Amino acid sequence: MKAIIYHNPRCSKSRGALELLQQNGVTAQVVEYLKTPPDRRTLEELLALLGIGPRELLRKGEEEYSALELDNPALGHAELIDAMLAHPKLIERPIVVVGDKAIIGRPPEKILELL
């Protein structure tokens, strides 16, 4: 089985998800999304696979979330995507994709639902 993991090696949840994939014999393509951020098309595809809107993918505890006032309900889909493109650290992690399904690995054990 192959997977893609959008990973931040400094995040314990992300490291835990990668370890779980490896323990379950899954070959994972690791995308360090802070070094190689997704483009708009990829981000839109991830949202579709996850079955969520961009607001649910935002890390609300990040400084940029407050600074950019991303809690403003008037902000639409495009503005929230723009914020994540400009500040990839706002993207929740880890995201694991297996085939045509994806999940946010928080807690890391959630990724087992894909396996």
PDB file of N, CA and C in Angstrom:
ATOM      1  N   MET A   1       0.846  -1.177   0.000  1.00  0.00           N
ATOM      2  CA  MET A   1       0.000   0.000   0.000  1.00  0.00           C
ATOM      3  C   MET A   1       0.890   1.239   0.000  1.00  0.00           C
ATOM      4  N   LYS A   2       0.465   2.251  -0.751  1.00  0.00           N
ATOM      5  CA  LYS A   2       1.214   3.500  -0.815  1.00  0.00           C
ATOM      6  C   LYS A   2       0.378   4.623  -0.243  1.00  0.00           C
ATOM      7  N   ALA A   3       1.060   5.585   0.336  1.00  0.00           N
ATOM      8  CA  ALA A   3       0.385   6.737   0.920  1.00  0.00           C
ATOM      9  C   ALA A   3       1.222   7.981   0.665  1.00  0.00           C
ATOM     10  N   ILE A   4       0.578   9.116   0.798  1.00  0.00           N
ATOM     11  CA  ILE A   4       1.266  10.408   0.805  1.00  0.00           C
ATOM     12  C   ILE A   4       0.977  11.014   2.168  1.00  0.00           C
ATOM     13  N   ILE A   5       2.006  11.512   2.821  1.00  0.00           N
ATOM     14  CA  ILE A   5       1.804  12.196   4.096  1.00  0.00           C
ATOM     15  C   ILE A   5       2.349  13.620   3.980  1.00  0.00           C
ATOM     16  N   TYR A   6       1.472  14.577   4.268  1.00  0.00           N
ATOM     17  CA  TYR A   6       1.879  15.982   4.343  1.00  0.00           C
ATOM     18  C   TYR A   6       2.342  16.165   5.777  1.00  0.00           C
ATOM     19  N   HIS A   7       3.642  16.347   5.913  1.00  0.00           N
ATOM     20  CA  HIS A   7       4.352  16.103   7.163  1.00  0.00           C
ATOM     21  C   HIS A   7       5.151  17.320   7.610  1.00  0.00           C
ATOM     22  N   ASN A   8       5.192  17.503   8.923  1.00  0.00           N
ATOM     23  CA  ASN A   8       6.087  18.469   9.545  1.00  0.00           C
ATOM     24  C   ASN A   8       6.910  17.681  10.564  1.00  0.00           C
ATOM     25  N   PRO A   9       8.195  17.464  10.266  1.00  0.00           N
ATOM     26  CA  PRO A   9       9.003  16.621  11.159  1.00  0.00           C
ATOM     27  C   PRO A   9       9.157  17.187  12.570  1.00  0.00           C
ATOM     28  N   ARG A  10       8.843  18.463  12.769  1.00  0.00           N
ATOM     29  CA  ARG A  10       8.948  19.052  14.112  1.00  0.00           C
ATOM     30  C   ARG A  10       7.701  18.790  14.953  1.00  0.00           C
ATOM     31  N   CYS A  11       6.667  18.226  14.330  1.00  0.00           N
ATOM     32  CA  CYS A  11       5.390  17.992  15.021  1.00  0.00           C
ATOM     33  C   CYS A  11       5.311  16.541  15.512  1.00  0.00           C
ATOM     34  N   SER A  12       5.066  16.355  16.784  1.00  0.00           N
ATOM     35  CA  SER A  12       5.009  15.001  17.344  1.00  0.00           C
ATOM     36  C   SER A  12       3.860  14.189  16.746  1.00  0.00           C
ATOM     37  N   LYS A  13       2.723  14.820  16.469  1.00  0.00           N
ATOM     38  CA  LYS A  13       1.583  14.103  15.877  1.00  0.00           C
ATOM     39  C   LYS A  13       1.935  13.627  14.467  1.00  0.00           C
ATOM     40  N   SER A  14       2.640  14.475  13.735  1.00  0.00           N
ATOM     41  CA  SER A  14       3.038  14.130  12.373  1.00  0.00           C
ATOM     42  C   SER A  14       4.063  12.993  12.394  1.00  0.00           C
ATOM     43  N   ARG A  15       5.017  13.077  13.294  1.00  0.00           N
ATOM     44  CA  ARG A  15       6.012  11.997  13.424  1.00  0.00           C
ATOM     45  C   ARG A  15       5.333  10.700  13.824  1.00  0.00           C
ATOM     46  N   GLY A  16       4.352  10.786  14.719  1.00  0.00           N
ATOM     47  CA  GLY A  16       3.622   9.595  15.155  1.00  0.00           C
ATOM     48  C   GLY A  16       2.844   8.962  14.011  1.00  0.00           C
ATOM     49  N   ALA A  17       2.244   9.779  13.171  1.00  0.00           N
ATOM     50  CA  ALA A  17       1.491   9.263  12.024  1.00  0.00           C
ATOM     51  C   ALA A  17       2.427   8.565  11.040  1.00  0.00           C
ATOM     52  N   LEU A  18       3.577   9.163  10.774  1.00  0.00           N
ATOM     53  CA  LEU A  18       4.545   8.560   9.857  1.00  0.00           C
ATOM     54  C   LEU A  18       5.030   7.220  10.416  1.00  0.00           C
ATOM     55  N   GLU A  19       5.276   7.177  11.712  1.00  0.00           N
ATOM     56  CA  GLU A  19       5.718   5.934  12.349  1.00  0.00           C
ATOM     57  C   GLU A  19       4.644   4.846  12.240  1.00  0.00           C
ATOM     58  N   LEU A  20       3.379   5.220  12.442  1.00  0.00           N
ATOM     59  CA  LEU A  20       2.287   4.250  12.321  1.00  0.00           C
ATOM     60  C   LEU A  20       2.201   3.696  10.901  1.00  0.00           C
ATOM     61  N   LEU A  21       2.379   4.568   9.905  1.00  0.00           N
ATOM     62  CA  LEU A  21       2.370   4.093   8.515  1.00  0.00           C
ATOM     63  C   LEU A  21       3.464   3.058   8.314  1.00  0.00           C
ATOM     64  N   GLN A  22       4.667   3.382   8.785  1.00  0.00           N
ATOM     65  CA  GLN A  22       5.802   2.481   8.612  1.00  0.00           C
ATOM     66  C   GLN A  22       5.578   1.163   9.346  1.00  0.00           C
ATOM     67  N   GLN A  23       5.029   1.228  10.558  1.00  0.00           N
ATOM     68  CA  GLN A  23       4.766   0.013  11.339  1.00  0.00           C
ATOM     69  C   GLN A  23       3.748  -0.896  10.664  1.00  0.00           C
ATOM     70  N   ASN A  24       2.888  -0.292   9.831  1.00  0.00           N
ATOM     71  CA  ASN A  24       1.855  -1.058   9.146  1.00  0.00           C
ATOM     72  C   ASN A  24       2.247  -1.407   7.711  1.00  0.00           C
ATOM     73  N   GLY A  25       3.538  -1.284   7.407  1.00  0.00           N
ATOM     74  CA  GLY A  25       4.042  -1.687   6.105  1.00  0.00           C
ATOM     75  C   GLY A  25       3.639  -0.794   4.950  1.00  0.00           C
ATOM     76  N   VAL A  26       3.266   0.438   5.253  1.00  0.00           N
ATOM     77  CA  VAL A  26       2.840   1.374   4.209  1.00  0.00           C
ATOM     78  C   VAL A  26       4.044   2.186   3.745  1.00  0.00           C
ATOM     79  N   THR A  27       4.255   2.192   2.434  1.00  0.00           N
ATOM     80  CA  THR A  27       5.299   3.031   1.852  1.00  0.00           C
ATOM     81  C   THR A  27       4.724   4.430   1.699  1.00  0.00           C
ATOM     82  N   ALA A  28       5.340   5.392   2.365  1.00  0.00           N
ATOM     83  CA  ALA A  28       4.797   6.746   2.358  1.00  0.00           C
ATOM     84  C   ALA A  28       5.713   7.704   1.600  1.00  0.00           C
ATOM     85  N   GLN A  29       5.097   8.453   0.688  1.00  0.00           N
ATOM     86  CA  GLN A  29       5.790   9.575   0.061  1.00  0.00           C
ATOM     87  C   GLN A  29       5.639  10.732   1.044  1.00  0.00           C
ATOM     88  N   VAL A  30       6.749  11.227   1.560  1.00  0.00           N
ATOM     89  CA  VAL A  30       6.714  12.279   2.562  1.00  0.00           C
ATOM     90  C   VAL A  30       6.835  13.637   1.877  1.00  0.00           C
ATOM     91  N   VAL A  31       5.844  14.490   2.105  1.00  0.00           N
ATOM     92  CA  VAL A  31       5.868  15.848   1.590  1.00  0.00           C
ATOM     93  C   VAL A  31       6.007  16.784   2.787  1.00  0.00           C
ATOM     94  N   GLU A  32       7.176  17.369   2.933  1.00  0.00           N
ATOM     95  CA  GLU A  32       7.363  18.352   4.004  1.00  0.00           C
ATOM     96  C   GLU A  32       6.756  19.661   3.512  1.00  0.00           C
ATOM     97  N   TYR A  33       5.487  19.853   3.858  1.00  0.00           N
ATOM     98  CA  TYR A  33       4.699  20.922   3.251  1.00  0.00           C
ATOM     99  C   TYR A  33       5.161  22.327   3.632  1.00  0.00           C
ATOM    100  N   LEU A  34       5.976  22.458   4.670  1.00  0.00           N
ATOM    101  CA  LEU A  34       6.518  23.781   4.982  1.00  0.00           C
ATOM    102  C   LEU A  34       7.663  24.130   4.035  1.00  0.00           C
ATOM    103  N   LYS A  35       8.386  23.109   3.561  1.00  0.00           N
ATOM    104  CA  LYS A  35       9.470  23.319   2.593  1.00  0.00           C
ATOM    105  C   LYS A  35       8.935  23.333   1.164  1.00  0.00           C
ATOM    106  N   THR A  36       7.931  22.493   0.904  1.00  0.00           N
ATOM    107  CA  THR A  36       7.327  22.386  -0.420  1.00  0.00           C
ATOM    108  C   THR A  36       5.819  22.534  -0.269  1.00  0.00           C
ATOM    109  N   PRO A  37       5.335  23.765  -0.142  1.00  0.00           N
ATOM    110  CA  PRO A  37       3.903  23.961   0.093  1.00  0.00           C
ATOM    111  C   PRO A  37       3.060  23.505  -1.097  1.00  0.00           C
ATOM    112  N   PRO A  38       1.857  23.026  -0.811  1.00  0.00           N
ATOM    113  CA  PRO A  38       0.967  22.643  -1.907  1.00  0.00           C
ATOM    114  C   PRO A  38       0.523  23.880  -2.685  1.00  0.00           C
ATOM    115  N   ASP A  39       0.255  23.695  -3.973  1.00  0.00           N
ATOM    116  CA  ASP A  39      -0.301  24.795  -4.750  1.00  0.00           C
ATOM    117  C   ASP A  39      -1.821  24.789  -4.568  1.00  0.00           C
ATOM    118  N   ARG A  40      -2.482  25.749  -5.183  1.00  0.00           N
ATOM    119  CA  ARG A  40      -3.935  25.890  -5.010  1.00  0.00           C
ATOM    120  C   ARG A  40      -4.663  24.609  -5.437  1.00  0.00           C
ATOM    121  N   ARG A  41      -4.286  24.069  -6.575  1.00  0.00           N
ATOM    122  CA  ARG A  41      -4.962  22.867  -7.081  1.00  0.00           C
ATOM    123  C   ARG A  41      -4.816  21.708  -6.094  1.00  0.00           C
ATOM    124  N   THR A  42      -3.602  21.499  -5.584  1.00  0.00           N
ATOM    125  CA  THR A  42      -3.374  20.409  -4.628  1.00  0.00           C
ATOM    126  C   THR A  42      -4.167  20.630  -3.354  1.00  0.00           C
ATOM    127  N   LEU A  43      -4.182  21.867  -2.871  1.00  0.00           N
ATOM    128  CA  LEU A  43      -4.927  22.167  -1.648  1.00  0.00           C
ATOM    129  C   LEU A  43      -6.424  21.919  -1.856  1.00  0.00           C
ATOM    130  N   GLU A  44      -6.938  22.313  -3.002  1.00  0.00           N
ATOM    131  CA  GLU A  44      -8.357  22.067  -3.318  1.00  0.00           C
ATOM    132  C   GLU A  44      -8.629  20.558  -3.390  1.00  0.00           C
ATOM    133  N   GLU A  45      -7.702  19.806  -3.993  1.00  0.00           N
ATOM    134  CA  GLU A  45      -7.870  18.350  -4.082  1.00  0.00           C
ATOM    135  C   GLU A  45      -7.856  17.712  -2.693  1.00  0.00           C
ATOM    136  N   LEU A  46      -6.946  18.189  -1.832  1.00  0.00           N
ATOM    137  CA  LEU A  46      -6.894  17.660  -0.464  1.00  0.00           C
ATOM    138  C   LEU A  46      -8.200  17.929   0.276  1.00  0.00           C
ATOM    139  N   LEU A  47      -8.733  19.139   0.134  1.00  0.00           N
ATOM    140  CA  LEU A  47      -9.998  19.469   0.793  1.00  0.00           C
ATOM    141  C   LEU A  47     -11.118  18.551   0.297  1.00  0.00           C
ATOM    142  N   ALA A  48     -11.133  18.295  -1.013  1.00  0.00           N
ATOM    143  CA  ALA A  48     -12.163  17.413  -1.571  1.00  0.00           C
ATOM    144  C   ALA A  48     -12.012  15.994  -1.018  1.00  0.00           C
ATOM    145  N   LEU A  49     -10.781  15.496  -0.956  1.00  0.00           N
ATOM    146  CA  LEU A  49     -10.552  14.149  -0.420  1.00  0.00           C
ATOM    147  C   LEU A  49     -10.929  14.064   1.052  1.00  0.00           C
ATOM    148  N   LEU A  50     -10.650  15.135   1.786  1.00  0.00           N
ATOM    149  CA  LEU A  50     -10.966  15.162   3.212  1.00  0.00           C
ATOM    150  C   LEU A  50     -12.462  15.366   3.452  1.00  0.00           C
ATOM    151  N   GLY A  51     -13.152  15.944   2.464  1.00  0.00           N
ATOM    152  CA  GLY A  51     -14.573  16.219   2.611  1.00  0.00           C
ATOM    153  C   GLY A  51     -14.860  17.357   3.570  1.00  0.00           C
ATOM    154  N   ILE A  52     -13.949  18.335   3.600  1.00  0.00           N
ATOM    155  CA  ILE A  52     -14.113  19.479   4.500  1.00  0.00           C
ATOM    156  C   ILE A  52     -13.877  20.781   3.722  1.00  0.00           C
ATOM    157  N   GLY A  53     -14.243  21.877   4.346  1.00  0.00           N
ATOM    158  CA  GLY A  53     -13.964  23.189   3.786  1.00  0.00           C
ATOM    159  C   GLY A  53     -12.649  23.714   4.333  1.00  0.00           C
ATOM    160  N   PRO A  54     -12.154  24.796   3.752  1.00  0.00           N
ATOM    161  CA  PRO A  54     -10.854  25.321   4.176  1.00  0.00           C
ATOM    162  C   PRO A  54     -10.814  25.757   5.642  1.00  0.00           C
ATOM    163  N   ARG A  55     -11.906  26.206   6.180  1.00  0.00           N
ATOM    164  CA  ARG A  55     -11.925  26.653   7.587  1.00  0.00           C
ATOM    165  C   ARG A  55     -11.559  25.501   8.528  1.00  0.00           C
ATOM    166  N   GLU A  56     -11.995  24.274   8.178  1.00  0.00           N
ATOM    167  CA  GLU A  56     -11.710  23.105   9.020  1.00  0.00           C
ATOM    168  C   GLU A  56     -10.258  22.644   8.908  1.00  0.00           C
ATOM    169  N   LEU A  57      -9.538  23.143   7.921  1.00  0.00           N
ATOM    170  CA  LEU A  57      -8.143  22.748   7.731  1.00  0.00           C
ATOM    171  C   LEU A  57      -7.170  23.744   8.360  1.00  0.00           C
ATOM    172  N   LEU A  58      -7.702  24.838   8.876  1.00  0.00           N
ATOM    173  CA  LEU A  58      -6.845  25.874   9.470  1.00  0.00           C
ATOM    174  C   LEU A  58      -6.429  25.516  10.885  1.00  0.00           C
ATOM    175  N   ARG A  59      -5.165  25.798  11.187  1.00  0.00           N
ATOM    176  CA  ARG A  59      -4.642  25.658  12.552  1.00  0.00           C
ATOM    177  C   ARG A  59      -4.960  26.953  13.295  1.00  0.00           C
ATOM    178  N   LYS A  60      -5.983  26.906  14.111  1.00  0.00           N
ATOM    179  CA  LYS A  60      -6.488  28.113  14.763  1.00  0.00           C
ATOM    180  C   LYS A  60      -5.565  28.660  15.849  1.00  0.00           C
ATOM    181  N   GLY A  61      -4.622  27.851  16.319  1.00  0.00           N
ATOM    182  CA  GLY A  61      -3.716  28.305  17.366  1.00  0.00           C
ATOM    183  C   GLY A  61      -2.493  29.050  16.855  1.00  0.00           C
ATOM    184  N   GLU A  62      -2.318  29.114  15.542  1.00  0.00           N
ATOM    185  CA  GLU A  62      -1.145  29.789  14.985  1.00  0.00           C
ATOM    186  C   GLU A  62      -1.301  31.304  15.063  1.00  0.00           C
ATOM    187  N   GLU A  63      -0.182  31.970  15.260  1.00  0.00           N
ATOM    188  CA  GLU A  63      -0.162  33.432  15.359  1.00  0.00           C
ATOM    189  C   GLU A  63      -0.777  34.087  14.114  1.00  0.00           C
ATOM    190  N   GLU A  64      -0.489  33.522  12.941  1.00  0.00           N
ATOM    191  CA  GLU A  64      -1.008  34.078  11.690  1.00  0.00           C
ATOM    192  C   GLU A  64      -2.537  34.023  11.626  1.00  0.00           C
ATOM    193  N   TYR A  65      -3.124  33.023  12.263  1.00  0.00           N
ATOM    194  CA  TYR A  65      -4.582  32.896  12.271  1.00  0.00           C
ATOM    195  C   TYR A  65      -5.206  34.138  12.902  1.00  0.00           C
ATOM    196  N   SER A  66      -4.659  34.544  14.042  1.00  0.00           N
ATOM    197  CA  SER A  66      -5.174  35.737  14.721  1.00  0.00           C
ATOM    198  C   SER A  66      -4.805  37.001  13.962  1.00  0.00           C
ATOM    199  N   ALA A  67      -3.535  37.083  13.542  1.00  0.00           N
ATOM    200  CA  ALA A  67      -3.052  38.284  12.864  1.00  0.00           C
ATOM    201  C   ALA A  67      -3.841  38.573  11.588  1.00  0.00           C
ATOM    202  N   LEU A  68      -4.213  37.529  10.871  1.00  0.00           N
ATOM    203  CA  LEU A  68      -4.951  37.691   9.612  1.00  0.00           C
ATOM    204  C   LEU A  68      -6.469  37.712   9.821  1.00  0.00           C
ATOM    205  N   GLU A  69      -6.885  37.601  11.097  1.00  0.00           N
ATOM    206  CA  GLU A  69      -8.306  37.605  11.458  1.00  0.00           C
ATOM    207  C   GLU A  69      -9.096  36.565  10.658  1.00  0.00           C
ATOM    208  N   LEU A  70      -8.542  35.355  10.609  1.00  0.00           N
ATOM    209  CA  LEU A  70      -9.159  34.290   9.826  1.00  0.00           C
ATOM    210  C   LEU A  70     -10.420  33.719  10.470  1.00  0.00           C
ATOM    211  N   ASP A  71     -10.720  34.162  11.692  1.00  0.00           N
ATOM    212  CA  ASP A  71     -11.969  33.737  12.329  1.00  0.00           C
ATOM    213  C   ASP A  71     -13.156  34.551  11.828  1.00  0.00           C
ATOM    214  N   ASN A  72     -12.902  35.529  10.971  1.00  0.00           N
ATOM    215  CA  ASN A  72     -13.948  36.372  10.411  1.00  0.00           C
ATOM    216  C   ASN A  72     -14.861  35.524   9.515  1.00  0.00           C
ATOM    217  N   PRO A  73     -16.150  35.379   9.890  1.00  0.00           N
ATOM    218  CA  PRO A  73     -17.050  34.537   9.095  1.00  0.00           C
ATOM    219  C   PRO A  73     -17.314  35.083   7.690  1.00  0.00           C
ATOM    220  N   ALA A  74     -16.986  36.342   7.452  1.00  0.00           N
ATOM    221  CA  ALA A  74     -17.193  36.936   6.123  1.00  0.00           C
ATOM    222  C   ALA A  74     -16.158  36.441   5.111  1.00  0.00           C
ATOM    223  N   LEU A  75     -15.053  35.877   5.605  1.00  0.00           N
ATOM    224  CA  LEU A  75     -14.038  35.360   4.684  1.00  0.00           C
ATOM    225  C   LEU A  75     -14.556  34.102   3.998  1.00  0.00           C
ATOM    226  N   GLY A  76     -14.406  34.078   2.705  1.00  0.00           N
ATOM    227  CA  GLY A  76     -14.898  32.940   1.932  1.00  0.00           C
ATOM    228  C   GLY A  76     -13.816  31.921   1.644  1.00  0.00           C
ATOM    229  N   HIS A  77     -14.218  30.926   0.895  1.00  0.00           N
ATOM    230  CA  HIS A  77     -13.363  29.808   0.504  1.00  0.00           C
ATOM    231  C   HIS A  77     -12.031  30.296  -0.081  1.00  0.00           C
ATOM    232  N   ALA A  78     -12.104  31.170  -1.067  1.00  0.00           N
ATOM    233  CA  ALA A  78     -10.900  31.630  -1.768  1.00  0.00           C
ATOM    234  C   ALA A  78      -9.948  32.373  -0.837  1.00  0.00           C
ATOM    235  N   GLU A  79     -10.489  33.218   0.032  1.00  0.00           N
ATOM    236  CA  GLU A  79      -9.628  33.978   0.955  1.00  0.00           C
ATOM    237  C   GLU A  79      -8.918  33.059   1.943  1.00  0.00           C
ATOM    238  N   LEU A  80      -9.609  32.027   2.401  1.00  0.00           N
ATOM    239  CA  LEU A  80      -8.999  31.089   3.348  1.00  0.00           C
ATOM    240  C   LEU A  80      -7.915  30.261   2.658  1.00  0.00           C
ATOM    241  N   ILE A  81      -8.175  29.864   1.416  1.00  0.00           N
ATOM    242  CA  ILE A  81      -7.160  29.139   0.638  1.00  0.00           C
ATOM    243  C   ILE A  81      -5.951  30.052   0.424  1.00  0.00           C
ATOM    244  N   ASP A  82      -6.199  31.299   0.068  1.00  0.00           N
ATOM    245  CA  ASP A  82      -5.104  32.263  -0.143  1.00  0.00           C
ATOM    246  C   ASP A  82      -4.228  32.361   1.103  1.00  0.00           C
ATOM    247  N   ALA A  83      -4.863  32.399   2.274  1.00  0.00           N
ATOM    248  CA  ALA A  83      -4.110  32.502   3.533  1.00  0.00           C
ATOM    249  C   ALA A  83      -3.225  31.277   3.733  1.00  0.00           C
ATOM    250  N   MET A  84      -3.744  30.087   3.426  1.00  0.00           N
ATOM    251  CA  MET A  84      -2.946  28.868   3.589  1.00  0.00           C
ATOM    252  C   MET A  84      -1.818  28.802   2.558  1.00  0.00           C
ATOM    253  N   LEU A  85      -2.066  29.303   1.366  1.00  0.00           N
ATOM    254  CA  LEU A  85      -1.015  29.325   0.344  1.00  0.00           C
ATOM    255  C   LEU A  85       0.109  30.272   0.759  1.00  0.00           C
ATOM    256  N   ALA A  86      -0.256  31.408   1.325  1.00  0.00           N
ATOM    257  CA  ALA A  86       0.742  32.402   1.747  1.00  0.00           C
ATOM    258  C   ALA A  86       1.443  31.989   3.040  1.00  0.00           C
ATOM    259  N   HIS A  87       0.742  31.231   3.881  1.00  0.00           N
ATOM    260  CA  HIS A  87       1.268  30.832   5.198  1.00  0.00           C
ATOM    261  C   HIS A  87       0.989  29.347   5.414  1.00  0.00           C
ATOM    262  N   PRO A  88       1.787  28.452   4.791  1.00  0.00           N
ATOM    263  CA  PRO A  88       1.493  27.012   4.883  1.00  0.00           C
ATOM    264  C   PRO A  88       1.462  26.470   6.306  1.00  0.00           C
ATOM    265  N   LYS A  89       2.059  27.172   7.248  1.00  0.00           N
ATOM    266  CA  LYS A  89       2.036  26.674   8.623  1.00  0.00           C
ATOM    267  C   LYS A  89       0.623  26.689   9.195  1.00  0.00           C
ATOM    268  N   LEU A  90      -0.303  27.377   8.507  1.00  0.00           N
ATOM    269  CA  LEU A  90      -1.702  27.385   8.919  1.00  0.00           C
ATOM    270  C   LEU A  90      -2.424  26.084   8.580  1.00  0.00           C
ATOM    271  N   ILE A  91      -1.817  25.243   7.738  1.00  0.00           N
ATOM    272  CA  ILE A  91      -2.454  24.003   7.311  1.00  0.00           C
ATOM    273  C   ILE A  91      -2.317  22.949   8.410  1.00  0.00           C
ATOM    274  N   GLU A  92      -3.453  22.379   8.793  1.00  0.00           N
ATOM    275  CA  GLU A  92      -3.455  21.330   9.814  1.00  0.00           C
ATOM    276  C   GLU A  92      -2.629  20.146   9.339  1.00  0.00           C
ATOM    277  N   ARG A  93      -2.012  19.467  10.275  1.00  0.00           N
ATOM    278  CA  ARG A  93      -1.135  18.352   9.955  1.00  0.00           C
ATOM    279  C   ARG A  93      -1.334  17.226  10.947  1.00  0.00           C
ATOM    280  N   PRO A  94      -0.896  16.060  10.580  1.00  0.00           N
ATOM    281  CA  PRO A  94      -0.509  15.581   9.257  1.00  0.00           C
ATOM    282  C   PRO A  94      -1.740  15.222   8.442  1.00  0.00           C
ATOM    283  N   ILE A  95      -1.626  15.329   7.136  1.00  0.00           N
ATOM    284  CA  ILE A  95      -2.672  14.850   6.233  1.00  0.00           C
ATOM    285  C   ILE A  95      -2.109  13.611   5.546  1.00  0.00           C
ATOM    286  N   VAL A  96      -2.870  12.533   5.597  1.00  0.00           N
ATOM    287  CA  VAL A  96      -2.447  11.289   4.955  1.00  0.00           C
ATOM    288  C   VAL A  96      -3.455  10.960   3.858  1.00  0.00           C
ATOM    289  N   VAL A  97      -2.921  10.676   2.670  1.00  0.00           N
ATOM    290  CA  VAL A  97      -3.751  10.311   1.523  1.00  0.00           C
ATOM    291  C   VAL A  97      -3.413   8.880   1.121  1.00  0.00           C
ATOM    292  N   VAL A  98      -4.453   8.058   1.006  1.00  0.00           N
ATOM    293  CA  VAL A  98      -4.310   6.691   0.508  1.00  0.00           C
ATOM    294  C   VAL A  98      -5.381   6.534  -0.571  1.00  0.00           C
ATOM    295  N   GLY A  99      -4.949   6.368  -1.810  1.00  0.00           N
ATOM    296  CA  GLY A  99      -5.903   6.236  -2.912  1.00  0.00           C
ATOM    297  C   GLY A  99      -6.737   7.489  -3.052  1.00  0.00           C
ATOM    298  N   ASP A 100      -8.056   7.319  -2.996  1.00  0.00           N
ATOM    299  CA  ASP A 100      -8.962   8.461  -3.151  1.00  0.00           C
ATOM    300  C   ASP A 100      -9.559   8.900  -1.817  1.00  0.00           C
ATOM    301  N   LYS A 101      -8.839   8.610  -0.730  1.00  0.00           N
ATOM    302  CA  LYS A 101      -9.290   9.004   0.603  1.00  0.00           C
ATOM    303  C   LYS A 101      -8.164   9.714   1.335  1.00  0.00           C
ATOM    304  N   ALA A 102      -8.548  10.614   2.224  1.00  0.00           N
ATOM    305  CA  ALA A 102      -7.567  11.328   3.032  1.00  0.00           C
ATOM    306  C   ALA A 102      -8.129  11.530   4.425  1.00  0.00           C
ATOM    307  N   ILE A 103      -7.212  11.748   5.359  1.00  0.00           N
ATOM    308  CA  ILE A 103      -7.616  11.986   6.743  1.00  0.00           C
ATOM    309  C   ILE A 103      -6.562  12.865   7.405  1.00  0.00           C
ATOM    310  N   ILE A 104      -7.020  13.646   8.365  1.00  0.00           N
ATOM    311  CA  ILE A 104      -6.093  14.416   9.194  1.00  0.00           C
ATOM    312  C   ILE A 104      -5.729  13.519  10.372  1.00  0.00           C
ATOM    313  N   GLY A 105      -4.449  13.268  10.555  1.00  0.00           N
ATOM    314  CA  GLY A 105      -3.987  12.338  11.577  1.00  0.00           C
ATOM    315  C   GLY A 105      -3.859  12.956  12.950  1.00  0.00           C
ATOM    316  N   ARG A 106      -4.945  13.450  13.482  1.00  0.00           N
ATOM    317  CA  ARG A 106      -4.983  13.990  14.832  1.00  0.00           C
ATOM    318  C   ARG A 106      -6.141  13.341  15.558  1.00  0.00           C
ATOM    319  N   PRO A 107      -5.899  12.446  16.458  1.00  0.00           N
ATOM    320  CA  PRO A 107      -4.604  11.887  16.838  1.00  0.00           C
ATOM    321  C   PRO A 107      -4.068  10.983  15.728  1.00  0.00           C
ATOM    322  N   PRO A 108      -2.781  10.662  15.781  1.00  0.00           N
ATOM    323  CA  PRO A 108      -2.177   9.857  14.721  1.00  0.00           C
ATOM    324  C   PRO A 108      -2.912   8.548  14.433  1.00  0.00           C
ATOM    325  N   GLU A 109      -3.532   7.954  15.433  1.00  0.00           N
ATOM    326  CA  GLU A 109      -4.232   6.680  15.268  1.00  0.00           C
ATOM    327  C   GLU A 109      -5.394   6.783  14.271  1.00  0.00           C
ATOM    328  N   LYS A 110      -5.874   7.991  14.002  1.00  0.00           N
ATOM    329  CA  LYS A 110      -6.960   8.164  13.034  1.00  0.00           C
ATOM    330  C   LYS A 110      -6.574   7.648  11.656  1.00  0.00           C
ATOM    331  N   ILE A 111      -5.279   7.672  11.346  1.00  0.00           N
ATOM    332  CA  ILE A 111      -4.868   7.217  10.007  1.00  0.00           C
ATOM    333  C   ILE A 111      -5.121   5.736   9.803  1.00  0.00           C
ATOM    334  N   LEU A 112      -5.258   4.994  10.879  1.00  0.00           N
ATOM    335  CA  LEU A 112      -5.544   3.564  10.771  1.00  0.00           C
ATOM    336  C   LEU A 112      -6.875   3.311  10.058  1.00  0.00           C
ATOM    337  N   GLU A 113      -7.775   4.322  10.082  1.00  0.00           N
ATOM    338  CA  GLU A 113      -9.056   4.197   9.391  1.00  0.00           C
ATOM    339  C   GLU A 113      -8.867   4.055   7.891  1.00  0.00           C
ATOM    340  N   LEU A 114      -7.731   4.557   7.367  1.00  0.00           N
ATOM    341  CA  LEU A 114      -7.466   4.478   5.932  1.00  0.00           C
ATOM    342  C   LEU A 114      -6.810   3.165   5.524  1.00  0.00           C
ATOM    343  N   LEU A 115      -6.260   2.438   6.494  1.00  0.00           N
ATOM    344  CA  LEU A 115      -5.449   1.263   6.151  1.00  0.00           C
ATOM    345  C   LEU A 115      -6.238  -0.018   6.083  1.00  0.00           C
TER     346      LEU A 115
END
